Amino acid sequence: MDEKQAIIVKMLELQHLFGEQTDGTAQMIVLKIKQAIDKLASKRTQGMNIGPQVRSIGYFIRDEMREHHYQLTAEQQTVLLDMEGQALDIERNFQHGLALSGINLF
């Protein structure tokens, strides 16, 4: 399984965890995760573009938690942190690969 597929698996796991809850906040989070999965599943989303997609979910979830005084379960928090960590690893590997190839991003 490649790195992008592993992140999608984590997203699906997180979607399932929130999908078990019936409140409006959880359902908004499920929708946001579905949208991100669709974008990541696109063949055009590669390397450096994966991290921002994953981070946007993390930011959205945390904002919703603060706004609605909502607490993540330990399992939700673990999956979210794992997913964000995997995305960061992909970004680092991609940046390292570009540095080795001599490509300058800026």
C-alpha atoms as a PDB file:
ATOM      1  CA  MET A   1       0.000   0.000   0.000  1.00  0.00           C
ATOM      2  CA  ASP A   2       1.477   3.364  -0.917  1.00  0.00           C
ATOM      3  CA  GLU A   3       1.567   6.342   1.442  1.00  0.00           C
ATOM      4  CA  LYS A   4      -1.408   8.116  -0.081  1.00  0.00           C
ATOM      5  CA  GLN A   5      -3.564   4.998   0.238  1.00  0.00           C
ATOM      6  CA  ALA A   6      -2.494   4.637   3.883  1.00  0.00           C
ATOM      7  CA  ILE A   7      -3.700   8.171   4.605  1.00  0.00           C
ATOM      8  CA  ILE A   8      -6.990   7.484   2.846  1.00  0.00           C
ATOM      9  CA  VAL A   9      -7.415   4.388   5.033  1.00  0.00           C
ATOM     10  CA  LYS A  10      -6.882   6.561   8.144  1.00  0.00           C
ATOM     11  CA  MET A  11      -9.399   9.086   6.799  1.00  0.00           C
ATOM     12  CA  LEU A  12     -11.951   6.328   6.274  1.00  0.00           C
ATOM     13  CA  GLU A  13     -11.314   5.103   9.809  1.00  0.00           C
ATOM     14  CA  LEU A  14     -11.816   8.618  11.182  1.00  0.00           C
ATOM     15  CA  GLN A  15     -14.942   9.039   9.054  1.00  0.00           C
ATOM     16  CA  HIS A  16     -16.313   5.798  10.501  1.00  0.00           C
ATOM     17  CA  LEU A  17     -15.608   6.944  14.069  1.00  0.00           C
ATOM     18  CA  PHE A  18     -17.460  10.218  13.543  1.00  0.00           C
ATOM     19  CA  GLY A  19     -20.167   8.520  11.474  1.00  0.00           C
ATOM     20  CA  GLU A  20     -21.213   6.507  14.507  1.00  0.00           C
ATOM     21  CA  GLN A  21     -22.331   9.753  16.144  1.00  0.00           C
ATOM     22  CA  THR A  22     -25.612  11.282  15.034  1.00  0.00           C
ATOM     23  CA  ASP A  23     -25.140  14.919  16.050  1.00  0.00           C
ATOM     24  CA  GLY A  24     -24.791  17.697  13.499  1.00  0.00           C
ATOM     25  CA  THR A  25     -21.161  18.437  14.316  1.00  0.00           C
ATOM     26  CA  ALA A  26     -20.074  14.854  13.695  1.00  0.00           C
ATOM     27  CA  GLN A  27     -22.024  14.755  10.435  1.00  0.00           C
ATOM     28  CA  MET A  28     -20.336  17.986   9.232  1.00  0.00           C
ATOM     29  CA  ILE A  29     -16.970  16.408  10.001  1.00  0.00           C
ATOM     30  CA  VAL A  30     -17.934  13.253   8.074  1.00  0.00           C
ATOM     31  CA  LEU A  31     -18.854  15.400   5.061  1.00  0.00           C
ATOM     32  CA  LYS A  32     -15.550  17.286   5.214  1.00  0.00           C
ATOM     33  CA  ILE A  33     -13.614  14.012   5.416  1.00  0.00           C
ATOM     34  CA  LYS A  34     -15.532  12.601   2.412  1.00  0.00           C
ATOM     35  CA  GLN A  35     -14.645  15.705   0.386  1.00  0.00           C
ATOM     36  CA  ALA A  36     -10.967  15.398   1.316  1.00  0.00           C
ATOM     37  CA  ILE A  37     -10.936  11.700   0.401  1.00  0.00           C
ATOM     38  CA  ASP A  38     -12.363  12.553  -3.012  1.00  0.00           C
ATOM     39  CA  LYS A  39      -9.608  15.121  -3.567  1.00  0.00           C
ATOM     40  CA  LEU A  40      -6.862  12.791  -2.365  1.00  0.00           C
ATOM     41  CA  ALA A  41      -8.154   9.926  -4.484  1.00  0.00           C
ATOM     42  CA  SER A  42      -7.593  12.071  -7.560  1.00  0.00           C
ATOM     43  CA  LYS A  43      -4.462  11.088  -9.459  1.00  0.00           C
ATOM     44  CA  ARG A  44      -3.566  14.783  -9.607  1.00  0.00           C
ATOM     45  CA  THR A  45      -3.057  15.008  -5.853  1.00  0.00           C
ATOM     46  CA  GLN A  46       0.516  13.960  -5.165  1.00  0.00           C
ATOM     47  CA  GLY A  47       3.466  14.745  -2.897  1.00  0.00           C
ATOM     48  CA  MET A  48       3.298  18.259  -1.530  1.00  0.00           C
ATOM     49  CA  ASN A  49      -0.471  18.527  -2.087  1.00  0.00           C
ATOM     50  CA  ILE A  50      -1.328  15.719   0.326  1.00  0.00           C
ATOM     51  CA  GLY A  51      -0.294  17.534   3.509  1.00  0.00           C
ATOM     52  CA  PRO A  52      -2.531  20.582   3.020  1.00  0.00           C
ATOM     53  CA  GLN A  53      -5.545  18.340   2.363  1.00  0.00           C
ATOM     54  CA  VAL A  54      -4.960  16.411   5.574  1.00  0.00           C
ATOM     55  CA  ARG A  55      -4.179  19.502   7.632  1.00  0.00           C
ATOM     56  CA  SER A  56      -7.394  21.162   6.478  1.00  0.00           C
ATOM     57  CA  ILE A  57      -9.352  18.267   8.018  1.00  0.00           C
ATOM     58  CA  GLY A  58      -7.419  18.553  11.258  1.00  0.00           C
ATOM     59  CA  TYR A  59      -8.009  22.303  11.435  1.00  0.00           C
ATOM     60  CA  PHE A  60     -11.692  21.870  10.642  1.00  0.00           C
ATOM     61  CA  ILE A  61     -12.166  19.188  13.299  1.00  0.00           C
ATOM     62  CA  ARG A  62     -10.350  21.202  15.942  1.00  0.00           C
ATOM     63  CA  ASP A  63     -12.326  24.349  15.082  1.00  0.00           C
ATOM     64  CA  GLU A  64     -15.593  22.433  15.342  1.00  0.00           C
ATOM     65  CA  MET A  65     -14.509  20.964  18.664  1.00  0.00           C
ATOM     66  CA  ARG A  66     -13.769  24.407  20.115  1.00  0.00           C
ATOM     67  CA  GLU A  67     -16.869  26.049  18.669  1.00  0.00           C
ATOM     68  CA  HIS A  68     -19.261  23.382  19.925  1.00  0.00           C
ATOM     69  CA  HIS A  69     -17.419  22.463  23.146  1.00  0.00           C
ATOM     70  CA  TYR A  70     -17.028  18.967  21.774  1.00  0.00           C
ATOM     71  CA  GLN A  71     -14.460  16.430  22.944  1.00  0.00           C
ATOM     72  CA  LEU A  72     -12.693  13.932  20.711  1.00  0.00           C
ATOM     73  CA  THR A  73     -12.645  10.379  21.942  1.00  0.00           C
ATOM     74  CA  ALA A  74      -9.196   8.916  22.547  1.00  0.00           C
ATOM     75  CA  GLU A  75      -9.606   6.759  19.436  1.00  0.00           C
ATOM     76  CA  GLN A  76     -10.610   9.748  17.262  1.00  0.00           C
ATOM     77  CA  GLN A  77      -7.668  11.745  18.556  1.00  0.00           C
ATOM     78  CA  THR A  78      -5.217   8.893  17.919  1.00  0.00           C
ATOM     79  CA  VAL A  79      -6.408   8.363  14.336  1.00  0.00           C
ATOM     80  CA  LEU A  80      -6.340  12.111  13.615  1.00  0.00           C
ATOM     81  CA  LEU A  81      -2.787  12.457  14.933  1.00  0.00           C
ATOM     82  CA  ASP A  82      -1.638   9.352  13.024  1.00  0.00           C
ATOM     83  CA  MET A  83      -3.151  10.702   9.814  1.00  0.00           C
ATOM     84  CA  GLU A  84      -1.501  14.106  10.269  1.00  0.00           C
ATOM     85  CA  GLY A  85       1.823  12.448  11.066  1.00  0.00           C
ATOM     86  CA  GLN A  86       1.681  10.344   7.915  1.00  0.00           C
ATOM     87  CA  ALA A  87       0.946  13.434   5.805  1.00  0.00           C
ATOM     88  CA  LEU A  88       3.888  15.253   7.370  1.00  0.00           C
ATOM     89  CA  ASP A  89       6.161  12.295   6.604  1.00  0.00           C
ATOM     90  CA  ILE A  90       5.075  12.362   2.958  1.00  0.00           C
ATOM     91  CA  GLU A  91       5.817  16.082   2.741  1.00  0.00           C
ATOM     92  CA  ARG A  92       9.241  15.616   4.293  1.00  0.00           C
ATOM     93  CA  ASN A  93      10.075  12.752   1.940  1.00  0.00           C
ATOM     94  CA  PHE A  94       8.896  14.762  -1.044  1.00  0.00           C
ATOM     95  CA  GLN A  95      10.931  17.820  -0.010  1.00  0.00           C
ATOM     96  CA  HIS A  96      13.991  15.637   0.603  1.00  0.00           C
ATOM     97  CA  GLY A  97      13.569  14.042  -2.828  1.00  0.00           C
ATOM     98  CA  LEU A  98      13.368  17.442  -4.468  1.00  0.00           C
ATOM     99  CA  ALA A  99      16.474  18.609  -2.641  1.00  0.00           C
ATOM    100  CA  LEU A 100      18.390  15.561  -3.852  1.00  0.00           C
ATOM    101  CA  SER A 101      17.241  16.139  -7.428  1.00  0.00           C
ATOM    102  CA  GLY A 102      18.351  19.770  -7.330  1.00  0.00           C
ATOM    103  CA  ILE A 103      14.865  21.162  -7.923  1.00  0.00           C
ATOM    104  CA  ASN A 104      14.269  24.441  -6.122  1.00  0.00           C
ATOM    105  CA  LEU A 105      10.681  25.059  -4.988  1.00  0.00           C
ATOM    106  CA  PHE A 106      11.184  28.778  -4.520  1.00  0.00           C
END
